[in-house]
N, C-alpha and C. Protein backbone atom coordinates (compact mmCIF):
# COMPACT_ATOMS: atom_id res chain seq x y z
N MET A 1 -35.57 108.72 223.41
CA MET A 1 -35.64 107.35 222.92
C MET A 1 -34.22 106.80 222.88
N GLY A 2 -34.06 105.61 223.42
CA GLY A 2 -32.74 105.00 223.46
C GLY A 2 -32.29 104.52 222.09
N HIS A 3 -30.99 104.28 221.99
CA HIS A 3 -30.40 103.83 220.73
C HIS A 3 -31.04 102.52 220.26
N ALA A 4 -31.21 101.57 221.17
CA ALA A 4 -31.79 100.27 220.79
C ALA A 4 -33.22 100.43 220.29
N ALA A 5 -34.01 101.26 220.93
CA ALA A 5 -35.39 101.48 220.50
C ALA A 5 -35.43 102.15 219.13
N ARG A 6 -34.55 103.10 218.90
CA ARG A 6 -34.49 103.80 217.60
C ARG A 6 -34.08 102.83 216.49
N TRP A 7 -33.12 101.97 216.78
CA TRP A 7 -32.68 100.98 215.79
C TRP A 7 -33.83 100.06 215.42
N LYS A 8 -34.56 99.60 216.43
CA LYS A 8 -35.70 98.70 216.17
C LYS A 8 -36.75 99.41 215.32
N GLU A 9 -37.02 100.68 215.63
CA GLU A 9 -38.01 101.43 214.87
C GLU A 9 -37.59 101.56 213.41
N LEU A 10 -36.33 101.81 213.15
CA LEU A 10 -35.83 101.97 211.79
C LEU A 10 -35.84 100.67 211.00
N TRP A 11 -35.62 99.56 211.66
CA TRP A 11 -35.51 98.28 210.97
C TRP A 11 -36.78 97.45 210.96
N THR A 12 -37.81 97.91 211.65
CA THR A 12 -39.08 97.18 211.68
C THR A 12 -39.95 97.67 210.54
N GLU A 13 -40.41 96.74 209.73
CA GLU A 13 -41.26 97.08 208.59
C GLU A 13 -42.63 97.53 209.10
N HIS A 14 -43.06 98.71 208.68
CA HIS A 14 -44.38 99.21 209.04
C HIS A 14 -45.43 98.39 208.30
N ARG A 15 -46.42 97.89 209.02
CA ARG A 15 -47.46 97.07 208.41
C ARG A 15 -48.85 97.56 208.78
N PRO A 16 -49.48 98.34 207.90
CA PRO A 16 -50.88 98.71 208.15
C PRO A 16 -51.75 97.46 208.02
N VAL A 17 -52.99 97.56 208.43
CA VAL A 17 -53.91 96.42 208.31
C VAL A 17 -54.07 96.09 206.83
N PRO A 18 -53.82 94.82 206.45
CA PRO A 18 -53.92 94.45 205.02
C PRO A 18 -55.33 94.67 204.48
N LEU A 19 -55.41 95.03 203.21
CA LEU A 19 -56.72 95.13 202.56
C LEU A 19 -57.28 93.73 202.38
N ASN A 20 -58.58 93.64 202.34
CA ASN A 20 -59.25 92.35 202.17
C ASN A 20 -59.66 92.22 200.70
N LEU A 21 -58.68 91.96 199.83
CA LEU A 21 -58.95 91.85 198.40
C LEU A 21 -59.33 90.42 198.04
N ASN A 22 -60.34 90.28 197.17
CA ASN A 22 -60.64 88.94 196.67
C ASN A 22 -59.62 88.60 195.58
N GLU A 23 -59.71 87.41 195.03
CA GLU A 23 -58.70 86.98 194.05
C GLU A 23 -58.66 87.87 192.82
N ARG A 24 -59.83 88.26 192.29
CA ARG A 24 -59.87 89.12 191.11
C ARG A 24 -59.25 90.47 191.41
N GLN A 25 -59.61 91.06 192.55
CA GLN A 25 -59.05 92.36 192.93
C GLN A 25 -57.54 92.28 193.10
N ALA A 26 -57.07 91.19 193.70
CA ALA A 26 -55.63 91.02 193.91
C ALA A 26 -54.89 90.93 192.57
N LEU A 27 -55.48 90.22 191.62
CA LEU A 27 -54.85 90.11 190.29
C LEU A 27 -54.83 91.45 189.57
N VAL A 28 -55.91 92.20 189.68
CA VAL A 28 -55.97 93.54 189.06
C VAL A 28 -54.90 94.42 189.70
N TRP A 29 -54.82 94.41 191.03
CA TRP A 29 -53.84 95.24 191.72
C TRP A 29 -52.42 94.83 191.34
N LEU A 30 -52.18 93.52 191.26
CA LEU A 30 -50.88 93.01 190.86
C LEU A 30 -50.49 93.53 189.49
N SER A 31 -51.40 93.47 188.54
CA SER A 31 -51.08 93.89 187.17
C SER A 31 -50.92 95.41 187.04
N GLU A 32 -51.61 96.18 187.89
CA GLU A 32 -51.56 97.64 187.76
C GLU A 32 -50.47 98.30 188.59
N TYR A 33 -50.14 97.75 189.76
CA TYR A 33 -49.28 98.46 190.70
C TYR A 33 -47.94 97.79 191.03
N VAL A 34 -47.87 96.48 190.88
CA VAL A 34 -46.66 95.77 191.31
C VAL A 34 -45.59 95.84 190.23
N ASP A 35 -44.41 96.35 190.61
CA ASP A 35 -43.30 96.45 189.69
C ASP A 35 -42.55 95.14 189.57
N GLU A 36 -42.52 94.39 190.66
CA GLU A 36 -41.73 93.16 190.71
C GLU A 36 -42.30 92.24 191.79
N ALA A 37 -42.37 90.96 191.49
CA ALA A 37 -42.80 89.96 192.48
C ALA A 37 -41.84 88.78 192.39
N SER A 38 -41.43 88.27 193.54
CA SER A 38 -40.52 87.13 193.53
C SER A 38 -40.81 86.24 194.73
N SER A 39 -40.60 84.96 194.53
CA SER A 39 -40.75 84.01 195.63
C SER A 39 -39.37 83.67 196.16
N HIS A 40 -39.31 83.24 197.40
CA HIS A 40 -38.03 82.82 197.96
C HIS A 40 -38.25 81.57 198.82
N LEU A 41 -37.28 80.71 198.75
CA LEU A 41 -37.33 79.46 199.51
C LEU A 41 -36.93 79.70 200.96
N GLN A 42 -37.30 78.78 201.79
CA GLN A 42 -36.94 78.88 203.20
C GLN A 42 -35.44 78.71 203.38
N THR A 43 -34.88 79.51 204.25
CA THR A 43 -33.48 79.41 204.63
C THR A 43 -33.43 79.36 206.15
N PRO A 44 -32.27 79.11 206.73
CA PRO A 44 -32.19 79.13 208.19
C PRO A 44 -32.55 80.50 208.79
N ASN A 45 -32.42 81.57 207.99
CA ASN A 45 -32.66 82.92 208.51
C ASN A 45 -34.04 83.49 208.20
N ARG A 46 -34.78 82.90 207.27
CA ARG A 46 -36.11 83.43 206.94
C ARG A 46 -37.00 82.33 206.39
N PRO A 47 -38.30 82.47 206.62
CA PRO A 47 -39.24 81.48 206.09
C PRO A 47 -39.47 81.69 204.59
N ALA A 48 -40.03 80.70 203.94
CA ALA A 48 -40.37 80.82 202.53
C ALA A 48 -41.49 81.85 202.38
N GLY A 49 -41.58 82.46 201.21
CA GLY A 49 -42.64 83.43 201.01
C GLY A 49 -42.49 84.19 199.72
N TRP A 50 -43.17 85.31 199.66
CA TRP A 50 -43.19 86.17 198.49
C TRP A 50 -42.80 87.59 198.86
N THR A 51 -42.13 88.27 197.95
CA THR A 51 -41.82 89.68 198.10
C THR A 51 -42.37 90.40 196.88
N VAL A 52 -43.14 91.45 197.11
CA VAL A 52 -43.62 92.28 196.01
C VAL A 52 -43.05 93.68 196.21
N LYS A 53 -42.76 94.33 195.10
CA LYS A 53 -42.21 95.68 195.14
C LYS A 53 -43.15 96.60 194.39
N CYS A 54 -43.59 97.65 195.07
CA CYS A 54 -44.52 98.61 194.49
C CYS A 54 -44.02 100.01 194.82
N SER A 55 -43.72 100.78 193.82
CA SER A 55 -43.22 102.16 194.01
C SER A 55 -42.03 102.21 194.94
N GLY A 56 -41.15 101.22 194.81
CA GLY A 56 -39.93 101.19 195.61
C GLY A 56 -40.09 100.62 197.01
N ILE A 57 -41.31 100.24 197.40
CA ILE A 57 -41.55 99.69 198.73
C ILE A 57 -41.70 98.18 198.62
N LYS A 58 -40.86 97.47 199.35
CA LYS A 58 -40.91 96.01 199.35
C LYS A 58 -41.80 95.51 200.48
N THR A 59 -42.60 94.50 200.18
CA THR A 59 -43.47 93.87 201.16
C THR A 59 -43.30 92.36 201.05
N THR A 60 -43.12 91.72 202.18
CA THR A 60 -42.91 90.28 202.22
C THR A 60 -44.00 89.61 203.04
N ALA A 61 -44.50 88.48 202.55
CA ALA A 61 -45.53 87.71 203.26
C ALA A 61 -45.42 86.24 202.85
N PRO A 62 -46.06 85.36 203.60
CA PRO A 62 -45.97 83.92 203.31
C PRO A 62 -46.57 83.51 201.96
N THR A 63 -47.65 84.20 201.52
CA THR A 63 -48.27 83.87 200.23
C THR A 63 -48.30 85.11 199.35
N LEU A 64 -48.46 84.88 198.05
CA LEU A 64 -48.53 86.00 197.11
C LEU A 64 -49.76 86.85 197.40
N HIS A 65 -50.88 86.22 197.68
CA HIS A 65 -52.12 86.95 197.97
C HIS A 65 -51.95 87.84 199.20
N GLU A 66 -51.35 87.32 200.26
CA GLU A 66 -51.11 88.11 201.47
C GLU A 66 -50.16 89.27 201.19
N ALA A 67 -49.13 89.02 200.39
CA ALA A 67 -48.17 90.08 200.06
C ALA A 67 -48.86 91.19 199.27
N ILE A 68 -49.74 90.83 198.34
CA ILE A 68 -50.46 91.82 197.55
C ILE A 68 -51.40 92.64 198.44
N CYS A 69 -52.14 91.98 199.31
CA CYS A 69 -53.07 92.69 200.21
C CYS A 69 -52.32 93.65 201.13
N GLN A 70 -51.16 93.21 201.62
CA GLN A 70 -50.36 94.06 202.50
C GLN A 70 -49.76 95.24 201.72
N ALA A 71 -49.25 94.96 200.52
CA ALA A 71 -48.67 96.03 199.69
C ALA A 71 -49.74 97.03 199.28
N ALA A 72 -50.94 96.56 198.99
CA ALA A 72 -52.03 97.47 198.63
C ALA A 72 -52.39 98.38 199.80
N ALA A 73 -52.36 97.85 201.01
CA ALA A 73 -52.63 98.66 202.20
C ALA A 73 -51.54 99.72 202.38
N LYS A 74 -50.29 99.33 202.19
CA LYS A 74 -49.19 100.30 202.30
C LYS A 74 -49.33 101.39 201.23
N HIS A 75 -49.68 100.98 200.01
CA HIS A 75 -49.85 101.93 198.91
C HIS A 75 -50.98 102.91 199.22
N ALA A 76 -52.09 102.40 199.72
CA ALA A 76 -53.23 103.25 200.06
C ALA A 76 -52.85 104.24 201.16
N GLU A 77 -52.14 103.76 202.17
CA GLU A 77 -51.72 104.63 203.26
C GLU A 77 -50.74 105.70 202.77
N GLU A 78 -49.80 105.30 201.94
CA GLU A 78 -48.78 106.22 201.42
C GLU A 78 -49.40 107.33 200.56
N ASN A 79 -50.49 106.99 199.87
CA ASN A 79 -51.13 107.94 198.96
C ASN A 79 -52.42 108.53 199.53
N ASP A 80 -52.63 108.38 200.84
CA ASP A 80 -53.81 108.90 201.52
C ASP A 80 -55.12 108.49 200.85
N ILE A 81 -55.21 107.21 200.51
CA ILE A 81 -56.43 106.64 199.93
C ILE A 81 -57.03 105.72 200.98
N SER A 82 -58.32 105.83 201.22
CA SER A 82 -58.94 104.96 202.21
C SER A 82 -58.97 103.52 201.69
N ALA A 83 -58.92 102.58 202.61
CA ALA A 83 -58.96 101.17 202.22
C ALA A 83 -60.24 100.85 201.48
N GLU A 84 -61.36 101.43 201.92
CA GLU A 84 -62.64 101.17 201.27
C GLU A 84 -62.63 101.67 199.82
N LYS A 85 -62.08 102.86 199.61
CA LYS A 85 -62.01 103.42 198.27
C LYS A 85 -61.12 102.57 197.37
N MET A 86 -59.99 102.13 197.90
CA MET A 86 -59.06 101.29 197.14
C MET A 86 -59.75 99.99 196.72
N GLU A 87 -60.45 99.35 197.66
CA GLU A 87 -61.13 98.09 197.35
C GLU A 87 -62.24 98.31 196.32
N GLN A 88 -62.96 99.43 196.39
CA GLN A 88 -64.03 99.71 195.44
C GLN A 88 -63.50 99.95 194.03
N GLU A 89 -62.34 100.61 193.94
CA GLU A 89 -61.77 100.91 192.63
C GLU A 89 -61.32 99.66 191.90
N LEU A 90 -61.04 98.60 192.65
CA LEU A 90 -60.59 97.37 192.03
C LEU A 90 -61.80 96.52 191.75
């Protein structure tokens, strides 16, 4: 693997398929698992959006709901929990 390909792999955020959480499930997940959530305004270098931090893993998305669904998917993958099981528990 070339240097450029390795650099891209290291700097590209891994994104599993987001969980399909409804609003209630997203709020429950936010209250139970999210350590920190922050919004950011658009700058010349990045679009506006939300960043959530869960167990030291940061996830950024255009909306809070999308960021929570994506972070929940990362959390499920990291802890070997199926998406279906995660959604049922919430």
